[in-house]
Amino acid sequence: MSDSPIRPAKEVRDELAATLDELETRLNPKVQASELSRRVRAGYAKNPVPYLIGAAVATAVVVGLVAWAIAGDD
């Protein structure tokens, strides 16, 4: 009876459960944070130059904002 276009309810429920589990995993912030961390570490290990440039730019922006806040006219 495998020719039937109607699938058994258990098969549909199992497929739905698998889909919901996958969605839960993909939308879980802890899982996403660990995946991002893994990808950043791998990228840094492969080529650290863009990460160092980004850190230098971020540092310069923060220092500039602090200097502007201190020296700015209120």
C-alpha atoms as a PDB file:
ATOM      1  CA  MET A   1       0.000   0.000   0.000  1.00  0.00           C
ATOM      2  CA  SER A   2       2.972   2.280  -0.526  1.00  0.00           C
ATOM      3  CA  ASP A   3       1.322   3.638  -3.697  1.00  0.00           C
ATOM      4  CA  SER A   4      -1.199   5.550  -1.610  1.00  0.00           C
ATOM      5  CA  PRO A   5      -0.906   9.349  -1.933  1.00  0.00           C
ATOM      6  CA  ILE A   6      -2.014   9.687   1.678  1.00  0.00           C
ATOM      7  CA  ARG A   7       0.831   9.157   4.100  1.00  0.00           C
ATOM      8  CA  PRO A   8       0.209   7.620   7.484  1.00  0.00           C
ATOM      9  CA  ALA A   9      -0.337  10.160  10.254  1.00  0.00           C
ATOM     10  CA  LYS A  10       2.670   8.853  12.220  1.00  0.00           C
ATOM     11  CA  GLU A  11       4.992   9.528   9.282  1.00  0.00           C
ATOM     12  CA  VAL A  12       3.672  13.083   8.943  1.00  0.00           C
ATOM     13  CA  ARG A  13       4.003  13.679  12.709  1.00  0.00           C
ATOM     14  CA  ASP A  14       7.567  12.364  12.682  1.00  0.00           C
ATOM     15  CA  GLU A  15       8.473  14.649   9.781  1.00  0.00           C
ATOM     16  CA  LEU A  16       6.858  17.629  11.502  1.00  0.00           C
ATOM     17  CA  ALA A  17       8.696  16.835  14.750  1.00  0.00           C
ATOM     18  CA  ALA A  18      12.012  16.684  12.887  1.00  0.00           C
ATOM     19  CA  THR A  19      11.278  20.012  11.203  1.00  0.00           C
ATOM     20  CA  LEU A  20      10.367  21.646  14.509  1.00  0.00           C
ATOM     21  CA  ASP A  21      13.529  20.290  16.143  1.00  0.00           C
ATOM     22  CA  GLU A  22      15.600  21.741  13.312  1.00  0.00           C
ATOM     23  CA  LEU A  23      13.878  25.123  13.644  1.00  0.00           C
ATOM     24  CA  GLU A  24      14.430  25.115  17.393  1.00  0.00           C
ATOM     25  CA  THR A  25      18.116  24.408  16.877  1.00  0.00           C
ATOM     26  CA  ARG A  26      18.505  27.106  14.223  1.00  0.00           C
ATOM     27  CA  LEU A  27      16.702  29.740  16.291  1.00  0.00           C
ATOM     28  CA  ASN A  28      18.338  28.930  19.633  1.00  0.00           C
ATOM     29  CA  PRO A  29      20.548  31.897  20.637  1.00  0.00           C
ATOM     30  CA  LYS A  30      23.031  29.691  22.520  1.00  0.00           C
ATOM     31  CA  VAL A  31      23.497  27.440  19.503  1.00  0.00           C
ATOM     32  CA  GLN A  32      23.850  30.442  17.192  1.00  0.00           C
ATOM     33  CA  ALA A  33      26.380  32.101  19.527  1.00  0.00           C
ATOM     34  CA  SER A  34      28.516  28.985  19.668  1.00  0.00           C
ATOM     35  CA  GLU A  35      28.309  28.611  15.868  1.00  0.00           C
ATOM     36  CA  LEU A  36      29.332  32.255  15.386  1.00  0.00           C
ATOM     37  CA  SER A  37      32.191  31.802  17.846  1.00  0.00           C
ATOM     38  CA  ARG A  38      33.368  28.696  16.004  1.00  0.00           C
ATOM     39  CA  ARG A  39      33.228  30.489  12.643  1.00  0.00           C
ATOM     40  CA  VAL A  40      35.115  33.544  13.948  1.00  0.00           C
ATOM     41  CA  ARG A  41      37.850  31.382  15.479  1.00  0.00           C
ATOM     42  CA  ALA A  42      38.192  29.433  12.235  1.00  0.00           C
ATOM     43  CA  GLY A  43      38.316  32.641  10.201  1.00  0.00           C
ATOM     44  CA  TYR A  44      40.873  34.190  12.523  1.00  0.00           C
ATOM     45  CA  ALA A  45      43.031  31.067  12.368  1.00  0.00           C
ATOM     46  CA  LYS A  46      42.885  31.128   8.566  1.00  0.00           C
ATOM     47  CA  ASN A  47      43.606  34.868   8.128  1.00  0.00           C
ATOM     48  CA  PRO A  48      43.885  37.146  11.194  1.00  0.00           C
ATOM     49  CA  VAL A  49      44.578  40.391   9.282  1.00  0.00           C
ATOM     50  CA  PRO A  50      40.923  41.477   8.748  1.00  0.00           C
ATOM     51  CA  TYR A  51      40.145  40.810  12.403  1.00  0.00           C
ATOM     52  CA  LEU A  52      43.146  42.851  13.554  1.00  0.00           C
ATOM     53  CA  ILE A  53      42.183  45.712  11.228  1.00  0.00           C
ATOM     54  CA  GLY A  54      38.616  45.598  12.545  1.00  0.00           C
ATOM     55  CA  ALA A  55      39.845  45.680  16.136  1.00  0.00           C
ATOM     56  CA  ALA A  56      42.112  48.646  15.368  1.00  0.00           C
ATOM     57  CA  VAL A  57      39.274  50.563  13.699  1.00  0.00           C
ATOM     58  CA  ALA A  58      36.884  49.813  16.575  1.00  0.00           C
ATOM     59  CA  THR A  59      39.501  50.984  19.067  1.00  0.00           C
ATOM     60  CA  ALA A  60      40.087  54.188  17.112  1.00  0.00           C
ATOM     61  CA  VAL A  61      36.347  54.887  17.001  1.00  0.00           C
ATOM     62  CA  VAL A  62      35.947  54.356  20.744  1.00  0.00           C
ATOM     63  CA  VAL A  63      38.963  56.539  21.543  1.00  0.00           C
ATOM     64  CA  GLY A  64      37.639  59.213  19.178  1.00  0.00           C
ATOM     65  CA  LEU A  65      34.190  59.153  20.784  1.00  0.00           C
ATOM     66  CA  VAL A  66      35.657  59.400  24.290  1.00  0.00           C
ATOM     67  CA  ALA A  67      37.914  62.296  23.225  1.00  0.00           C
ATOM     68  CA  TRP A  68      34.948  64.032  21.587  1.00  0.00           C
ATOM     69  CA  ALA A  69      32.862  63.573  24.737  1.00  0.00           C
ATOM     70  CA  ILE A  70      35.618  64.964  26.941  1.00  0.00           C
ATOM     71  CA  ALA A  71      36.611  67.878  24.701  1.00  0.00           C
ATOM     72  CA  GLY A  72      33.173  68.682  23.344  1.00  0.00           C
ATOM     73  CA  ASP A  73      31.395  71.880  24.282  1.00  0.00           C
ATOM     74  CA  ASP A  74      28.326  71.280  26.443  1.00  0.00           C
END
